[in-house]
């Protein structure tokens, strides 16, 4: 056992301390990811509600320009960023942008 510790360059105490540090770091990162996912879902829900309201009013001529602008903003994408499943080849991507 002591040969293994010497081979990996640390004592059992150092290994335990490092393990605890890494476990604490993992716990912190897990909590951060959970918080970010919760926030993402919260704002996605709001945007989805806005999208549904816009779609319901799409034929309404009173606010047609406003609704069109909102939908344009909601569906806009940035280069290098897209949602899951947006990995399309060039031809499909150009076709999709027309809609």
PDB file of N, CA and C in Angstrom:
ATOM      1  N   UNK A   1       0.817  -1.196   0.000  1.00  0.00           N
ATOM      2  CA  UNK A   1       0.000   0.000   0.000  1.00  0.00           C
ATOM      3  C   UNK A   1       0.860   1.259   0.000  1.00  0.00           C
ATOM      4  N   UNK A   2       1.924   1.274   0.825  1.00  0.00           N
ATOM      5  CA  UNK A   2       2.775   2.455   0.868  1.00  0.00           C
ATOM      6  C   UNK A   2       3.534   2.632  -0.434  1.00  0.00           C
ATOM      7  N   UNK A   3       3.803   1.529  -1.146  1.00  0.00           N
ATOM      8  CA  UNK A   3       4.443   1.610  -2.447  1.00  0.00           C
ATOM      9  C   UNK A   3       3.559   2.310  -3.461  1.00  0.00           C
ATOM     10  N   UNK A   4       2.244   2.058  -3.390  1.00  0.00           N
ATOM     11  CA  UNK A   4       1.302   2.703  -4.306  1.00  0.00           C
ATOM     12  C   UNK A   4       1.266   4.200  -4.053  1.00  0.00           C
ATOM     13  N   UNK A   5       1.193   4.608  -2.761  1.00  0.00           N
ATOM     14  CA  UNK A   5       1.181   6.040  -2.437  1.00  0.00           C
ATOM     15  C   UNK A   5       2.449   6.724  -2.904  1.00  0.00           C
ATOM     16  N   UNK A   6       3.584   6.077  -2.723  1.00  0.00           N
ATOM     17  CA  UNK A   6       4.848   6.662  -3.151  1.00  0.00           C
ATOM     18  C   UNK A   6       4.879   6.768  -4.676  1.00  0.00           C
ATOM     19  N   UNK A   7       4.337   5.755  -5.353  1.00  0.00           N
ATOM     20  CA  UNK A   7       4.320   5.745  -6.815  1.00  0.00           C
ATOM     21  C   UNK A   7       3.516   6.908  -7.371  1.00  0.00           C
ATOM     22  N   UNK A   8       2.404   7.258  -6.748  1.00  0.00           N
ATOM     23  CA  UNK A   8       1.554   8.348  -7.221  1.00  0.00           C
ATOM     24  C   UNK A   8       1.907   9.684  -6.584  1.00  0.00           C
ATOM     25  N   UNK A   9       2.968   9.725  -5.822  1.00  0.00           N
ATOM     26  CA  UNK A   9       3.517  10.973  -5.341  1.00  0.00           C
ATOM     27  C   UNK A   9       2.790  11.605  -4.176  1.00  0.00           C
ATOM     28  N   UNK A  10       2.045  10.871  -3.389  1.00  0.00           N
ATOM     29  CA  UNK A  10       1.356  11.495  -2.273  1.00  0.00           C
ATOM     30  C   UNK A  10       1.115  10.528  -1.148  1.00  0.00           C
ATOM     31  N   UNK A  11       0.849  11.091  -0.007  1.00  0.00           N
ATOM     32  CA  UNK A  11       0.511  10.247   1.134  1.00  0.00           C
ATOM     33  C   UNK A  11      -0.991  10.056   1.157  1.00  0.00           C
ATOM     34  N   UNK A  12      -1.438   9.167   2.004  1.00  0.00           N
ATOM     35  CA  UNK A  12      -2.859   8.909   2.145  1.00  0.00           C
ATOM     36  C   UNK A  12      -3.595  10.164   2.605  1.00  0.00           C
ATOM     37  N   UNK A  13      -2.963  10.943   3.495  1.00  0.00           N
ATOM     38  CA  UNK A  13      -3.576  12.171   4.001  1.00  0.00           C
ATOM     39  C   UNK A  13      -3.763  13.184   2.871  1.00  0.00           C
ATOM     40  N   UNK A  14      -2.726  13.342   2.044  1.00  0.00           N
ATOM     41  CA  UNK A  14      -2.829  14.269   0.910  1.00  0.00           C
ATOM     42  C   UNK A  14      -3.903  13.816  -0.065  1.00  0.00           C
ATOM     43  N   UNK A  15      -3.983  12.510  -0.304  1.00  0.00           N
ATOM     44  CA  UNK A  15      -4.984  11.977  -1.216  1.00  0.00           C
ATOM     45  C   UNK A  15      -6.391  12.225  -0.683  1.00  0.00           C
ATOM     46  N   UNK A  16      -6.593  12.017   0.613  1.00  0.00           N
ATOM     47  CA  UNK A  16      -7.904  12.252   1.216  1.00  0.00           C
ATOM     48  C   UNK A  16      -8.283  13.725   1.159  1.00  0.00           C
ATOM     49  N   UNK A  17      -7.330  14.593   1.423  1.00  0.00           N
ATOM     50  CA  UNK A  17      -7.598  16.031   1.376  1.00  0.00           C
ATOM     51  C   UNK A  17      -7.955  16.451  -0.049  1.00  0.00           C
ATOM     52  N   UNK A  18      -7.223  15.922  -1.027  1.00  0.00           N
ATOM     53  CA  UNK A  18      -7.494  16.243  -2.424  1.00  0.00           C
ATOM     54  C   UNK A  18      -8.861  15.702  -2.837  1.00  0.00           C
ATOM     55  N   UNK A  19      -9.183  14.497  -2.400  1.00  0.00           N
ATOM     56  CA  UNK A  19     -10.481  13.905  -2.712  1.00  0.00           C
ATOM     57  C   UNK A  19     -11.613  14.752  -2.132  1.00  0.00           C
ATOM     58  N   UNK A  20     -11.469  15.195  -0.897  1.00  0.00           N
ATOM     59  CA  UNK A  20     -12.494  16.038  -0.267  1.00  0.00           C
ATOM     60  C   UNK A  20     -12.633  17.363  -1.012  1.00  0.00           C
ATOM     61  N   UNK A  21     -11.503  17.933  -1.418  1.00  0.00           N
ATOM     62  CA  UNK A  21     -11.534  19.199  -2.146  1.00  0.00           C
ATOM     63  C   UNK A  21     -12.265  19.020  -3.478  1.00  0.00           C
ATOM     64  N   UNK A  22     -11.946  17.941  -4.175  1.00  0.00           N
ATOM     65  CA  UNK A  22     -12.592  17.684  -5.463  1.00  0.00           C
ATOM     66  C   UNK A  22     -14.078  17.386  -5.302  1.00  0.00           C
ATOM     67  N   UNK A  23     -14.445  16.665  -4.235  1.00  0.00           N
ATOM     68  CA  UNK A  23     -15.862  16.391  -3.985  1.00  0.00           C
ATOM     69  C   UNK A  23     -16.618  17.681  -3.690  1.00  0.00           C
ATOM     70  N   UNK A  24     -16.008  18.577  -2.923  1.00  0.00           N
ATOM     71  CA  UNK A  24     -16.635  19.863  -2.622  1.00  0.00           C
ATOM     72  C   UNK A  24     -16.787  20.698  -3.894  1.00  0.00           C
ATOM     73  N   UNK A  25     -15.767  20.663  -4.736  1.00  0.00           N
ATOM     74  CA  UNK A  25     -15.822  21.400  -6.001  1.00  0.00           C
ATOM     75  C   UNK A  25     -16.916  20.830  -6.908  1.00  0.00           C
ATOM     76  N   UNK A  26     -17.018  19.509  -6.954  1.00  0.00           N
ATOM     77  CA  UNK A  26     -18.057  18.867  -7.756  1.00  0.00           C
ATOM     78  C   UNK A  26     -19.448  19.226  -7.234  1.00  0.00           C
ATOM     79  N   UNK A  27     -19.625  19.219  -5.926  1.00  0.00           N
ATOM     80  CA  UNK A  27     -20.909  19.583  -5.331  1.00  0.00           C
ATOM     81  C   UNK A  27     -21.271  21.020  -5.681  1.00  0.00           C
ATOM     82  N   UNK A  28     -20.295  21.915  -5.584  1.00  0.00           N
ATOM     83  CA  UNK A  28     -20.529  23.325  -5.913  1.00  0.00           C
ATOM     84  C   UNK A  28     -20.913  23.483  -7.380  1.00  0.00           C
ATOM     85  N   UNK A  29     -20.202  22.792  -8.263  1.00  0.00           N
ATOM     86  CA  UNK A  29     -20.510  22.882  -9.694  1.00  0.00           C
ATOM     87  C   UNK A  29     -21.873  22.286 -10.007  1.00  0.00           C
ATOM     88  N   UNK A  30     -22.226  21.201  -9.341  1.00  0.00           N
ATOM     89  CA  UNK A  30     -23.531  20.575  -9.548  1.00  0.00           C
ATOM     90  C   UNK A  30     -24.642  21.532  -9.139  1.00  0.00           C
ATOM     91  N   UNK A  31     -24.481  22.197  -8.008  1.00  0.00           N
ATOM     92  CA  UNK A  31     -25.476  23.168  -7.555  1.00  0.00           C
ATOM     93  C   UNK A  31     -25.573  24.350  -8.518  1.00  0.00           C
ATOM     94  N   UNK A  32     -24.438  24.773  -9.044  1.00  0.00           N
ATOM     95  CA  UNK A  32     -24.430  25.875 -10.007  1.00  0.00           C
ATOM     96  C   UNK A  32     -25.196  25.483 -11.268  1.00  0.00           C
ATOM     97  N   UNK A  33     -24.920  24.291 -11.781  1.00  0.00           N
ATOM     98  CA  UNK A  33     -25.605  23.816 -12.984  1.00  0.00           C
ATOM     99  C   UNK A  33     -27.106  23.707 -12.724  1.00  0.00           C
ATOM    100  N   UNK A  34     -27.491  23.173 -11.578  1.00  0.00           N
ATOM    101  CA  UNK A  34     -28.915  23.045 -11.252  1.00  0.00           C
ATOM    102  C   UNK A  34     -29.586  24.415 -11.196  1.00  0.00           C
ATOM    103  N   UNK A  35     -28.898  25.387 -10.614  1.00  0.00           N
ATOM    104  CA  UNK A  35     -29.438  26.748 -10.543  1.00  0.00           C
ATOM    105  C   UNK A  35     -29.592  27.368 -11.916  1.00  0.00           C
ATOM    106  N   UNK A  36     -28.595  27.173 -12.766  1.00  0.00           N
ATOM    107  CA  UNK A  36     -28.647  27.719 -14.124  1.00  0.00           C
ATOM    108  C   UNK A  36     -29.752  27.042 -14.930  1.00  0.00           C
ATOM    109  N   UNK A  37     -29.901  25.732 -14.777  1.00  0.00           N
ATOM    110  CA  UNK A  37     -30.970  25.023 -15.492  1.00  0.00           C
ATOM    111  C   UNK A  37     -32.348  25.492 -15.037  1.00  0.00           C
ATOM    112  N   UNK A  38     -32.493  25.734 -13.739  1.00  0.00           N
ATOM    113  CA  UNK A  38     -33.776  26.218 -13.208  1.00  0.00           C
ATOM    114  C   UNK A  38     -34.084  27.606 -13.778  1.00  0.00           C
ATOM    115  N   UNK A  39     -33.074  28.468 -13.803  1.00  0.00           N
ATOM    116  CA  UNK A  39     -33.255  29.812 -14.357  1.00  0.00           C
ATOM    117  C   UNK A  39     -33.572  29.750 -15.848  1.00  0.00           C
ATOM    118  N   UNK A  40     -32.867  28.882 -16.592  1.00  0.00           N
ATOM    119  CA  UNK A  40     -33.123  28.704 -18.023  1.00  0.00           C
ATOM    120  C   UNK A  40     -34.574  28.282 -18.257  1.00  0.00           C
ATOM    121  N   UNK A  41     -35.038  27.295 -17.488  1.00  0.00           N
ATOM    122  CA  UNK A  41     -36.402  26.799 -17.643  1.00  0.00           C
ATOM    123  C   UNK A  41     -37.431  27.885 -17.321  1.00  0.00           C
ATOM    124  N   UNK A  42     -37.138  28.693 -16.310  1.00  0.00           N
ATOM    125  CA  UNK A  42     -38.018  29.787 -15.923  1.00  0.00           C
ATOM    126  C   UNK A  42     -38.195  30.773 -17.085  1.00  0.00           C
ATOM    127  N   UNK A  43     -37.077  31.221 -17.660  1.00  0.00           N
ATOM    128  CA  UNK A  43     -37.152  32.188 -18.753  1.00  0.00           C
ATOM    129  C   UNK A  43     -37.670  31.549 -20.037  1.00  0.00           C
ATOM    130  N   UNK A  44     -37.364  30.287 -20.272  1.00  0.00           N
ATOM    131  CA  UNK A  44     -37.908  29.606 -21.431  1.00  0.00           C
ATOM    132  C   UNK A  44     -39.433  29.569 -21.343  1.00  0.00           C
ATOM    133  N   UNK A  45     -39.964  29.300 -20.157  1.00  0.00           N
ATOM    134  CA  UNK A  45     -41.414  29.286 -19.959  1.00  0.00           C
ATOM    135  C   UNK A  45     -42.044  30.629 -20.283  1.00  0.00           C
ATOM    136  N   UNK A  46     -41.388  31.697 -19.863  1.00  0.00           N
ATOM    137  CA  UNK A  46     -41.898  33.044 -20.167  1.00  0.00           C
ATOM    138  C   UNK A  46     -41.878  33.300 -21.667  1.00  0.00           C
ATOM    139  N   UNK A  47     -40.772  32.939 -22.316  1.00  0.00           N
ATOM    140  CA  UNK A  47     -40.676  33.147 -23.760  1.00  0.00           C
ATOM    141  C   UNK A  47     -41.688  32.292 -24.515  1.00  0.00           C
ATOM    142  N   UNK A  48     -41.915  31.096 -24.042  1.00  0.00           N
ATOM    143  CA  UNK A  48     -42.901  30.214 -24.692  1.00  0.00           C
ATOM    144  C   UNK A  48     -44.303  30.815 -24.581  1.00  0.00           C
ATOM    145  N   UNK A  49     -44.634  31.395 -23.436  1.00  0.00           N
ATOM    146  CA  UNK A  49     -45.932  32.042 -23.253  1.00  0.00           C
ATOM    147  C   UNK A  49     -46.078  33.229 -24.207  1.00  0.00           C
ATOM    148  N   UNK A  50     -45.020  34.023 -24.339  1.00  0.00           N
ATOM    149  CA  UNK A  50     -45.037  35.158 -25.263  1.00  0.00           C
ATOM    150  C   UNK A  50     -45.210  34.664 -26.692  1.00  0.00           C
ATOM    151  N   UNK A  51     -44.505  33.595 -27.043  1.00  0.00           N
ATOM    152  CA  UNK A  51     -44.635  33.028 -28.383  1.00  0.00           C
ATOM    153  C   UNK A  51     -46.067  32.590 -28.661  1.00  0.00           C
ATOM    154  N   UNK A  52     -46.685  31.916 -27.711  1.00  0.00           N
ATOM    155  CA  UNK A  52     -48.070  31.467 -27.882  1.00  0.00           C
ATOM    156  C   UNK A  52     -49.026  32.640 -28.043  1.00  0.00           C
ATOM    157  N   UNK A  53     -48.838  33.694 -27.254  1.00  0.00           N
ATOM    158  CA  UNK A  53     -49.675  34.887 -27.383  1.00  0.00           C
ATOM    159  C   UNK A  53     -49.514  35.517 -28.760  1.00  0.00           C
ATOM    160  N   UNK A  54     -48.283  35.590 -29.240  1.00  0.00           N
ATOM    161  CA  UNK A  54     -48.023  36.156 -30.571  1.00  0.00           C
ATOM    162  C   UNK A  54     -48.674  35.305 -31.654  1.00  0.00           C
ATOM    163  N   UNK A  55     -48.550  33.995 -31.531  1.00  0.00           N
ATOM    164  CA  UNK A  55     -49.137  33.115 -32.539  1.00  0.00           C
ATOM    165  C   UNK A  55     -50.662  33.237 -32.546  1.00  0.00           C
ATOM    166  N   UNK A  56     -51.258  33.408 -31.375  1.00  0.00           N
ATOM    167  CA  UNK A  56     -52.707  33.574 -31.294  1.00  0.00           C
ATOM    168  C   UNK A  56     -53.161  34.869 -31.968  1.00  0.00           C
ATOM    169  N   UNK A  57     -52.331  35.897 -31.936  1.00  0.00           N
ATOM    170  CA  UNK A  57     -52.691  37.209 -32.494  1.00  0.00           C
ATOM    171  C   UNK A  57     -52.097  37.460 -33.873  1.00  0.00           C
ATOM    172  N   UNK A  58     -51.458  36.463 -34.476  1.00  0.00           N
ATOM    173  CA  UNK A  58     -50.773  36.659 -35.752  1.00  0.00           C
ATOM    174  C   UNK A  58     -51.670  37.201 -36.853  1.00  0.00           C
ATOM    175  N   UNK A  59     -52.912  36.801 -36.932  1.00  0.00           N
ATOM    176  CA  UNK A  59     -53.817  37.273 -37.982  1.00  0.00           C
ATOM    177  C   UNK A  59     -54.453  38.612 -37.670  1.00  0.00           C
ATOM    178  N   UNK A  60     -54.279  39.131 -36.475  1.00  0.00           N
ATOM    179  CA  UNK A  60     -54.876  40.391 -36.034  1.00  0.00           C
ATOM    180  C   UNK A  60     -54.125  41.563 -36.677  1.00  0.00           C
ATOM    181  N   UNK A  61     -54.799  42.292 -37.570  1.00  0.00           N
ATOM    182  CA  UNK A  61     -54.164  43.394 -38.295  1.00  0.00           C
ATOM    183  C   UNK A  61     -53.844  44.595 -37.400  1.00  0.00           C
ATOM    184  N   UNK A  62     -54.512  44.699 -36.261  1.00  0.00           N
ATOM    185  CA  UNK A  62     -54.302  45.838 -35.369  1.00  0.00           C
ATOM    186  C   UNK A  62     -52.846  45.948 -34.924  1.00  0.00           C
ATOM    187  N   UNK A  63     -52.239  44.824 -34.600  1.00  0.00           N
ATOM    188  CA  UNK A  63     -50.869  44.821 -34.069  1.00  0.00           C
ATOM    189  C   UNK A  63     -49.949  43.943 -34.916  1.00  0.00           C
ATOM    190  N   UNK A  64     -50.245  43.794 -36.186  1.00  0.00           N
ATOM    191  CA  UNK A  64     -49.514  42.867 -37.057  1.00  0.00           C
ATOM    192  C   UNK A  64     -48.010  43.149 -37.092  1.00  0.00           C
ATOM    193  N   UNK A  65     -47.642  44.420 -37.234  1.00  0.00           N
ATOM    194  CA  UNK A  65     -46.217  44.765 -37.310  1.00  0.00           C
ATOM    195  C   UNK A  65     -45.507  44.458 -35.987  1.00  0.00           C
ATOM    196  N   UNK A  66     -46.166  44.782 -34.880  1.00  0.00           N
ATOM    197  CA  UNK A  66     -45.597  44.519 -33.556  1.00  0.00           C
ATOM    198  C   UNK A  66     -45.406  43.014 -33.331  1.00  0.00           C
ATOM    199  N   UNK A  67     -46.422  42.238 -33.660  1.00  0.00           N
ATOM    200  CA  UNK A  67     -46.371  40.782 -33.494  1.00  0.00           C
ATOM    201  C   UNK A  67     -45.268  40.201 -34.386  1.00  0.00           C
ATOM    202  N   UNK A  68     -45.179  40.667 -35.623  1.00  0.00           N
ATOM    203  CA  UNK A  68     -44.148  40.181 -36.543  1.00  0.00           C
ATOM    204  C   UNK A  68     -42.755  40.478 -35.997  1.00  0.00           C
ATOM    205  N   UNK A  69     -42.578  41.665 -35.427  1.00  0.00           N
ATOM    206  CA  UNK A  69     -41.289  42.036 -34.840  1.00  0.00           C
ATOM    207  C   UNK A  69     -40.956  41.149 -33.644  1.00  0.00           C
ATOM    208  N   UNK A  70     -41.935  40.912 -32.776  1.00  0.00           N
ATOM    209  CA  UNK A  70     -41.708  40.033 -31.629  1.00  0.00           C
ATOM    210  C   UNK A  70     -41.320  38.619 -32.063  1.00  0.00           C
ATOM    211  N   UNK A  71     -42.043  38.086 -33.032  1.00  0.00           N
ATOM    212  CA  UNK A  71     -41.731  36.739 -33.522  1.00  0.00           C
ATOM    213  C   UNK A  71     -40.347  36.692 -34.173  1.00  0.00           C
ATOM    214  N   UNK A  72     -39.987  37.743 -34.875  1.00  0.00           N
ATOM    215  CA  UNK A  72     -38.653  37.812 -35.481  1.00  0.00           C
ATOM    216  C   UNK A  72     -37.573  37.762 -34.405  1.00  0.00           C
ATOM    217  N   UNK A  73     -37.783  38.496 -33.323  1.00  0.00           N
ATOM    218  CA  UNK A  73     -36.829  38.494 -32.211  1.00  0.00           C
ATOM    219  C   UNK A  73     -36.770  37.112 -31.559  1.00  0.00           C
ATOM    220  N   UNK A  74     -37.931  36.512 -31.331  1.00  0.00           N
ATOM    221  CA  UNK A  74     -37.968  35.201 -30.686  1.00  0.00           C
ATOM    222  C   UNK A  74     -37.266  34.123 -31.500  1.00  0.00           C
ATOM    223  N   UNK A  75     -37.374  34.192 -32.817  1.00  0.00           N
ATOM    224  CA  UNK A  75     -36.819  33.149 -33.676  1.00  0.00           C
ATOM    225  C   UNK A  75     -35.424  33.463 -34.195  1.00  0.00           C
ATOM    226  N   UNK A  76     -34.889  34.636 -33.856  1.00  0.00           N
ATOM    227  CA  UNK A  76     -33.550  35.006 -34.313  1.00  0.00           C
ATOM    228  C   UNK A  76     -32.505  34.089 -33.680  1.00  0.00           C
ATOM    229  N   UNK A  77     -31.456  33.809 -34.439  1.00  0.00           N
ATOM    230  CA  UNK A  77     -30.349  33.005 -33.919  1.00  0.00           C
ATOM    231  C   UNK A  77     -29.064  33.796 -34.091  1.00  0.00           C
ATOM    232  N   UNK A  78     -28.053  33.387 -33.361  1.00  0.00           N
ATOM    233  CA  UNK A  78     -26.739  33.999 -33.480  1.00  0.00           C
ATOM    234  C   UNK A  78     -25.792  32.973 -34.075  1.00  0.00           C
ATOM    235  N   UNK A  79     -24.816  33.446 -34.826  1.00  0.00           N
ATOM    236  CA  UNK A  79     -23.838  32.543 -35.403  1.00  0.00           C
ATOM    237  C   UNK A  79     -23.082  31.827 -34.290  1.00  0.00           C
ATOM    238  N   UNK A  80     -22.950  30.527 -34.440  1.00  0.00           N
ATOM    239  CA  UNK A  80     -22.225  29.744 -33.449  1.00  0.00           C
ATOM    240  C   UNK A  80     -23.059  29.343 -32.253  1.00  0.00           C
ATOM    241  N   UNK A  81     -24.333  29.745 -32.246  1.00  0.00           N
ATOM    242  CA  UNK A  81     -25.191  29.386 -31.127  1.00  0.00           C
ATOM    243  C   UNK A  81     -26.517  28.917 -31.661  1.00  0.00           C
ATOM    244  N   UNK A  82     -26.979  27.841 -31.097  1.00  0.00           N
ATOM    245  CA  UNK A  82     -28.281  27.323 -31.476  1.00  0.00           C
ATOM    246  C   UNK A  82     -28.737  26.345 -30.413  1.00  0.00           C
ATOM    247  N   UNK A  83     -29.967  25.985 -30.494  1.00  0.00           N
ATOM    248  CA  UNK A  83     -30.497  25.037 -29.535  1.00  0.00           C
ATOM    249  C   UNK A  83     -30.076  23.620 -29.865  1.00  0.00           C
ATOM    250  N   UNK A  84     -30.444  22.679 -29.040  1.00  0.00           N
ATOM    251  CA  UNK A  84     -30.131  21.282 -29.289  1.00  0.00           C
ATOM    252  C   UNK A  84     -30.729  20.831 -30.624  1.00  0.00           C
ATOM    253  N   UNK A  85     -29.963  20.067 -31.376  1.00  0.00           N
ATOM    254  CA  UNK A  85     -30.457  19.562 -32.645  1.00  0.00           C
ATOM    255  C   UNK A  85     -30.314  20.539 -33.788  1.00  0.00           C
ATOM    256  N   UNK A  86     -29.622  21.658 -33.572  1.00  0.00           N
ATOM    257  CA  UNK A  86     -29.455  22.657 -34.631  1.00  0.00           C
ATOM    258  C   UNK A  86     -28.234  22.392 -35.504  1.00  0.00           C
ATOM    259  N   UNK A  87     -27.620  21.226 -35.388  1.00  0.00           N
ATOM    260  CA  UNK A  87     -26.445  20.900 -36.179  1.00  0.00           C
ATOM    261  C   UNK A  87     -26.892  20.433 -37.557  1.00  0.00           C
ATOM    262  N   UNK A  88     -27.172  21.388 -38.444  1.00  0.00           N
ATOM    263  CA  UNK A  88     -27.617  21.076 -39.797  1.00  0.00           C
ATOM    264  C   UNK A  88     -26.470  21.319 -40.753  1.00  0.00           C
ATOM    265  N   UNK A  89     -26.474  20.610 -41.884  1.00  0.00           N
ATOM    266  CA  UNK A  89     -25.460  20.939 -42.879  1.00  0.00           C
ATOM    267  C   UNK A  89     -25.874  22.226 -43.590  1.00  0.00           C
ATOM    268  N   UNK A  90     -24.987  22.790 -44.378  1.00  0.00           N
ATOM    269  CA  UNK A  90     -25.205  24.100 -44.976  1.00  0.00           C
ATOM    270  C   UNK A  90     -26.477  24.227 -45.779  1.00  0.00           C
ATOM    271  N   UNK A  91     -26.817  23.222 -46.584  1.00  0.00           N
ATOM    272  CA  UNK A  91     -28.000  23.308 -47.446  1.00  0.00           C
ATOM    273  C   UNK A  91     -29.280  23.380 -46.626  1.00  0.00           C
ATOM    274  N   UNK A  92     -29.406  22.520 -45.638  1.00  0.00           N
ATOM    275  CA  UNK A  92     -30.604  22.531 -44.795  1.00  0.00           C
ATOM    276  C   UNK A  92     -30.703  23.826 -44.007  1.00  0.00           C
ATOM    277  N   UNK A  93     -29.551  24.352 -43.557  1.00  0.00           N
ATOM    278  CA  UNK A  93     -29.552  25.572 -42.769  1.00  0.00           C
ATOM    279  C   UNK A  93     -30.066  26.739 -43.610  1.00  0.00           C
ATOM    280  N   UNK A  94     -29.608  26.849 -44.881  1.00  0.00           N
ATOM    281  CA  UNK A  94     -30.085  27.926 -45.745  1.00  0.00           C
ATOM    282  C   UNK A  94     -31.571  27.821 -45.987  1.00  0.00           C
ATOM    283  N   UNK A  95     -32.060  26.602 -46.186  1.00  0.00           N
ATOM    284  CA  UNK A  95     -33.480  26.395 -46.425  1.00  0.00           C
ATOM    285  C   UNK A  95     -34.292  26.794 -45.206  1.00  0.00           C
ATOM    286  N   UNK A  96     -33.791  26.488 -44.016  1.00  0.00           N
ATOM    287  CA  UNK A  96     -34.519  26.788 -42.786  1.00  0.00           C
ATOM    288  C   UNK A  96     -34.596  28.300 -42.564  1.00  0.00           C
ATOM    289  N   UNK A  97     -33.553  29.044 -42.923  1.00  0.00           N
ATOM    290  CA  UNK A  97     -33.527  30.483 -42.696  1.00  0.00           C
ATOM    291  C   UNK A  97     -34.599  31.204 -43.504  1.00  0.00           C
ATOM    292  N   UNK A  98     -35.065  30.610 -44.596  1.00  0.00           N
ATOM    293  CA  UNK A  98     -36.082  31.243 -45.411  1.00  0.00           C
ATOM    294  C   UNK A  98     -37.411  31.317 -44.698  1.00  0.00           C
ATOM    295  N   UNK A  99     -37.650  30.427 -43.781  1.00  0.00           N
ATOM    296  CA  UNK A  99     -38.933  30.390 -43.079  1.00  0.00           C
ATOM    297  C   UNK A  99     -38.875  31.404 -42.016  1.00  0.00           C
TER     298      UNK A  99
END
